[in-house]
Amino acid sequence: LVGIAMVGIGSALYITCGLGPGPRDGLMTALHNRTGVRIGRVRLGIEGTVLVAGWLLGGTVGLGTLMFATLIGQSIAISLGVVSRVTSR
């Protein structure tokens, strides 16, 4: 859980600094901007899709994989909210 929180904080920091997001974060922010769907839900859909695709291709899905896929979107969403409040002062 601490690792998921740290990834969420790190993602929020590098997304907001303007250097360009990575592939999943870019897809997440683009879908959020175009559809208005909340960041956490968009990321849950992306991670769920990738999880199922990986499993169908023979990858291992364990507890950590499931926890990350279900919680990382909310972690990023909360972290983005905190970063925006801190930087808007």
N, C-alpha and C. Protein backbone atom coordinates (compact mmCIF):
# COMPACT_ATOMS: atom_id res chain seq x y z
N LEU A 1 0.82 -1.20 0.00
CA LEU A 1 0.00 0.00 0.00
C LEU A 1 0.86 1.27 0.00
N VAL A 2 1.96 1.21 0.75
CA VAL A 2 2.88 2.36 0.76
C VAL A 2 3.48 2.57 -0.62
N GLY A 3 3.84 1.48 -1.28
CA GLY A 3 4.40 1.57 -2.64
C GLY A 3 3.42 2.16 -3.62
N ILE A 4 2.16 1.76 -3.52
CA ILE A 4 1.12 2.29 -4.41
C ILE A 4 0.94 3.79 -4.16
N ALA A 5 0.95 4.18 -2.90
CA ALA A 5 0.83 5.61 -2.56
C ALA A 5 2.03 6.38 -3.11
N MET A 6 3.22 5.81 -2.99
CA MET A 6 4.42 6.49 -3.49
C MET A 6 4.40 6.63 -5.01
N VAL A 7 3.93 5.60 -5.71
CA VAL A 7 3.82 5.69 -7.18
C VAL A 7 2.80 6.76 -7.54
N GLY A 8 1.70 6.83 -6.81
CA GLY A 8 0.69 7.86 -7.06
C GLY A 8 1.25 9.26 -6.89
N ILE A 9 1.99 9.46 -5.81
CA ILE A 9 2.60 10.78 -5.55
C ILE A 9 3.63 11.11 -6.64
N GLY A 10 4.48 10.16 -6.96
CA GLY A 10 5.48 10.38 -8.00
C GLY A 10 4.85 10.69 -9.35
N SER A 11 3.79 9.96 -9.68
CA SER A 11 3.10 10.20 -10.95
C SER A 11 2.51 11.60 -10.99
N ALA A 12 1.87 12.00 -9.90
CA ALA A 12 1.27 13.34 -9.85
C ALA A 12 2.33 14.41 -10.00
N LEU A 13 3.47 14.22 -9.36
CA LEU A 13 4.54 15.23 -9.45
C LEU A 13 5.08 15.35 -10.86
N TYR A 14 5.33 14.21 -11.53
CA TYR A 14 5.93 14.35 -12.87
C TYR A 14 4.91 14.70 -13.93
N ILE A 15 3.63 14.37 -13.73
CA ILE A 15 2.59 14.77 -14.68
C ILE A 15 2.40 16.28 -14.64
N THR A 16 2.44 16.86 -13.45
CA THR A 16 2.15 18.30 -13.31
C THR A 16 3.34 19.20 -13.61
N CYS A 17 4.54 18.65 -13.75
CA CYS A 17 5.70 19.51 -13.98
C CYS A 17 5.86 19.91 -15.45
N GLY A 18 5.05 19.33 -16.34
CA GLY A 18 5.05 19.77 -17.73
C GLY A 18 6.10 19.13 -18.61
N LEU A 19 6.73 18.06 -18.18
CA LEU A 19 7.74 17.41 -19.00
C LEU A 19 7.17 16.31 -19.89
N GLY A 20 5.87 16.08 -19.81
CA GLY A 20 5.21 15.06 -20.63
C GLY A 20 5.03 13.77 -19.86
N PRO A 21 3.83 13.22 -19.90
CA PRO A 21 3.57 11.96 -19.19
C PRO A 21 4.05 10.75 -19.98
N GLY A 22 4.16 9.62 -19.30
CA GLY A 22 4.50 8.36 -19.95
C GLY A 22 3.29 7.84 -20.72
N PRO A 23 3.41 6.69 -21.36
CA PRO A 23 2.34 6.18 -22.21
C PRO A 23 1.00 5.98 -21.49
N ARG A 24 0.99 5.29 -20.36
CA ARG A 24 -0.28 5.06 -19.66
C ARG A 24 -0.81 6.35 -19.06
N ASP A 25 0.08 7.18 -18.53
CA ASP A 25 -0.37 8.44 -17.95
C ASP A 25 -0.87 9.39 -19.03
N GLY A 26 -0.24 9.36 -20.20
CA GLY A 26 -0.71 10.18 -21.31
C GLY A 26 -2.08 9.75 -21.78
N LEU A 27 -2.29 8.45 -21.90
CA LEU A 27 -3.61 7.93 -22.27
C LEU A 27 -4.63 8.30 -21.21
N MET A 28 -4.26 8.18 -19.94
CA MET A 28 -5.15 8.50 -18.83
C MET A 28 -5.57 9.97 -18.87
N THR A 29 -4.61 10.87 -19.02
CA THR A 29 -4.95 12.30 -19.02
C THR A 29 -5.73 12.68 -20.28
N ALA A 30 -5.39 12.09 -21.41
CA ALA A 30 -6.13 12.40 -22.64
C ALA A 30 -7.58 11.93 -22.55
N LEU A 31 -7.80 10.71 -22.06
CA LEU A 31 -9.17 10.22 -21.92
C LEU A 31 -9.96 11.05 -20.91
N HIS A 32 -9.30 11.44 -19.83
CA HIS A 32 -9.96 12.30 -18.84
C HIS A 32 -10.35 13.64 -19.45
N ASN A 33 -9.45 14.25 -20.19
CA ASN A 33 -9.72 15.56 -20.79
C ASN A 33 -10.82 15.49 -21.86
N ARG A 34 -10.84 14.42 -22.62
CA ARG A 34 -11.83 14.31 -23.71
C ARG A 34 -13.20 13.86 -23.24
N THR A 35 -13.24 13.01 -22.20
CA THR A 35 -14.52 12.43 -21.77
C THR A 35 -15.08 13.06 -20.50
N GLY A 36 -14.21 13.64 -19.69
CA GLY A 36 -14.64 14.18 -18.41
C GLY A 36 -14.78 13.13 -17.31
N VAL A 37 -14.47 11.89 -17.64
CA VAL A 37 -14.51 10.82 -16.64
C VAL A 37 -13.37 11.05 -15.65
N ARG A 38 -13.63 10.78 -14.38
CA ARG A 38 -12.64 11.01 -13.33
C ARG A 38 -11.35 10.22 -13.60
N ILE A 39 -10.23 10.85 -13.22
CA ILE A 39 -8.90 10.25 -13.42
C ILE A 39 -8.83 8.84 -12.84
N GLY A 40 -9.31 8.66 -11.64
CA GLY A 40 -9.24 7.35 -10.99
C GLY A 40 -9.96 6.27 -11.77
N ARG A 41 -11.11 6.61 -12.29
CA ARG A 41 -11.89 5.64 -13.06
C ARG A 41 -11.25 5.34 -14.41
N VAL A 42 -10.72 6.37 -15.05
CA VAL A 42 -10.03 6.16 -16.32
C VAL A 42 -8.84 5.23 -16.12
N ARG A 43 -8.04 5.50 -15.09
CA ARG A 43 -6.86 4.68 -14.84
C ARG A 43 -7.24 3.26 -14.46
N LEU A 44 -8.34 3.10 -13.71
CA LEU A 44 -8.83 1.76 -13.37
C LEU A 44 -9.16 0.98 -14.64
N GLY A 45 -9.80 1.63 -15.59
CA GLY A 45 -10.12 0.97 -16.86
C GLY A 45 -8.88 0.58 -17.64
N ILE A 46 -7.89 1.47 -17.67
CA ILE A 46 -6.64 1.18 -18.38
C ILE A 46 -5.92 0.01 -17.72
N GLU A 47 -5.77 0.08 -16.41
CA GLU A 47 -5.05 -0.98 -15.69
C GLU A 47 -5.80 -2.30 -15.78
N GLY A 48 -7.12 -2.26 -15.71
CA GLY A 48 -7.92 -3.48 -15.84
C GLY A 48 -7.75 -4.12 -17.20
N THR A 49 -7.73 -3.29 -18.24
CA THR A 49 -7.54 -3.79 -19.60
C THR A 49 -6.17 -4.43 -19.76
N VAL A 50 -5.15 -3.77 -19.26
CA VAL A 50 -3.79 -4.29 -19.36
C VAL A 50 -3.63 -5.56 -18.52
N LEU A 51 -4.27 -5.60 -17.35
CA LEU A 51 -4.21 -6.79 -16.50
C LEU A 51 -4.81 -7.99 -17.21
N VAL A 52 -5.99 -7.82 -17.80
CA VAL A 52 -6.65 -8.92 -18.50
C VAL A 52 -5.83 -9.34 -19.72
N ALA A 53 -5.31 -8.38 -20.46
CA ALA A 53 -4.49 -8.72 -21.64
C ALA A 53 -3.25 -9.51 -21.23
N GLY A 54 -2.60 -9.07 -20.17
CA GLY A 54 -1.42 -9.78 -19.69
C GLY A 54 -1.75 -11.19 -19.22
N TRP A 55 -2.87 -11.34 -18.53
CA TRP A 55 -3.29 -12.66 -18.07
C TRP A 55 -3.61 -13.58 -19.25
N LEU A 56 -4.31 -13.04 -20.27
CA LEU A 56 -4.64 -13.83 -21.45
C LEU A 56 -3.40 -14.26 -22.22
N LEU A 57 -2.34 -13.46 -22.13
CA LEU A 57 -1.09 -13.80 -22.80
C LEU A 57 -0.21 -14.73 -21.96
N GLY A 58 -0.70 -15.11 -20.78
CA GLY A 58 0.03 -16.07 -19.96
C GLY A 58 0.76 -15.49 -18.77
N GLY A 59 0.55 -14.22 -18.51
CA GLY A 59 1.21 -13.59 -17.37
C GLY A 59 0.60 -14.02 -16.04
N THR A 60 1.34 -13.79 -14.98
CA THR A 60 0.89 -14.13 -13.64
C THR A 60 0.13 -12.95 -13.04
N VAL A 61 -1.01 -13.24 -12.44
CA VAL A 61 -1.80 -12.23 -11.74
C VAL A 61 -1.88 -12.65 -10.28
N GLY A 62 -1.23 -11.89 -9.43
CA GLY A 62 -1.25 -12.17 -8.00
C GLY A 62 -1.94 -11.06 -7.24
N LEU A 63 -1.87 -11.15 -5.92
CA LEU A 63 -2.51 -10.16 -5.07
C LEU A 63 -1.95 -8.76 -5.30
N GLY A 64 -0.63 -8.65 -5.42
CA GLY A 64 -0.01 -7.35 -5.67
C GLY A 64 -0.46 -6.74 -6.99
N THR A 65 -0.58 -7.56 -8.00
CA THR A 65 -1.04 -7.09 -9.32
C THR A 65 -2.46 -6.55 -9.22
N LEU A 66 -3.32 -7.30 -8.55
CA LEU A 66 -4.71 -6.87 -8.39
C LEU A 66 -4.81 -5.59 -7.56
N MET A 67 -4.04 -5.52 -6.49
CA MET A 67 -4.06 -4.31 -5.65
C MET A 67 -3.59 -3.10 -6.43
N PHE A 68 -2.49 -3.25 -7.17
CA PHE A 68 -1.98 -2.12 -7.93
C PHE A 68 -2.99 -1.68 -8.98
N ALA A 69 -3.54 -2.62 -9.72
CA ALA A 69 -4.49 -2.29 -10.78
C ALA A 69 -5.73 -1.58 -10.25
N THR A 70 -6.19 -1.97 -9.07
CA THR A 70 -7.42 -1.37 -8.54
C THR A 70 -7.18 -0.08 -7.76
N LEU A 71 -5.99 0.12 -7.22
CA LEU A 71 -5.76 1.26 -6.34
C LEU A 71 -4.92 2.39 -6.94
N ILE A 72 -4.15 2.13 -7.99
CA ILE A 72 -3.24 3.16 -8.49
C ILE A 72 -3.99 4.38 -9.04
N GLY A 73 -5.12 4.17 -9.67
CA GLY A 73 -5.88 5.30 -10.22
C GLY A 73 -6.34 6.25 -9.14
N GLN A 74 -6.85 5.70 -8.05
CA GLN A 74 -7.31 6.55 -6.95
C GLN A 74 -6.13 7.23 -6.27
N SER A 75 -5.00 6.53 -6.16
CA SER A 75 -3.80 7.12 -5.58
C SER A 75 -3.32 8.31 -6.40
N ILE A 76 -3.32 8.17 -7.72
CA ILE A 76 -2.91 9.28 -8.58
C ILE A 76 -3.91 10.42 -8.48
N ALA A 77 -5.20 10.11 -8.47
CA ALA A 77 -6.23 11.15 -8.40
C ALA A 77 -6.09 11.97 -7.11
N ILE A 78 -5.91 11.29 -5.99
CA ILE A 78 -5.75 11.99 -4.71
C ILE A 78 -4.49 12.83 -4.73
N SER A 79 -3.41 12.26 -5.24
CA SER A 79 -2.13 12.98 -5.29
C SER A 79 -2.20 14.19 -6.20
N LEU A 80 -2.89 14.07 -7.34
CA LEU A 80 -3.05 15.23 -8.23
C LEU A 80 -3.82 16.35 -7.53
N GLY A 81 -4.83 15.98 -6.75
CA GLY A 81 -5.58 16.98 -6.00
C GLY A 81 -4.71 17.69 -4.97
N VAL A 82 -3.88 16.94 -4.26
CA VAL A 82 -2.99 17.53 -3.27
C VAL A 82 -1.96 18.43 -3.94
N VAL A 83 -1.36 17.95 -5.01
CA VAL A 83 -0.34 18.75 -5.72
C VAL A 83 -0.95 20.04 -6.25
N SER A 84 -2.16 19.97 -6.80
CA SER A 84 -2.78 21.19 -7.33
C SER A 84 -3.09 22.19 -6.22
N ARG A 85 -3.50 21.70 -5.05
CA ARG A 85 -3.76 22.61 -3.92
C ARG A 85 -2.47 23.25 -3.41
N VAL A 86 -1.41 22.47 -3.34
CA VAL A 86 -0.14 22.96 -2.81
C VAL A 86 0.49 23.97 -3.78
N THR A 87 0.40 23.71 -5.08
CA THR A 87 1.06 24.57 -6.06
C THR A 87 0.23 25.80 -6.44
N SER A 88 -1.04 25.85 -6.05
CA SER A 88 -1.87 27.00 -6.42
C SER A 88 -1.76 28.13 -5.42
N ARG A 89 -0.97 27.97 -4.41
CA ARG A 89 -0.82 29.01 -3.38
C ARG A 89 0.09 30.10 -3.81
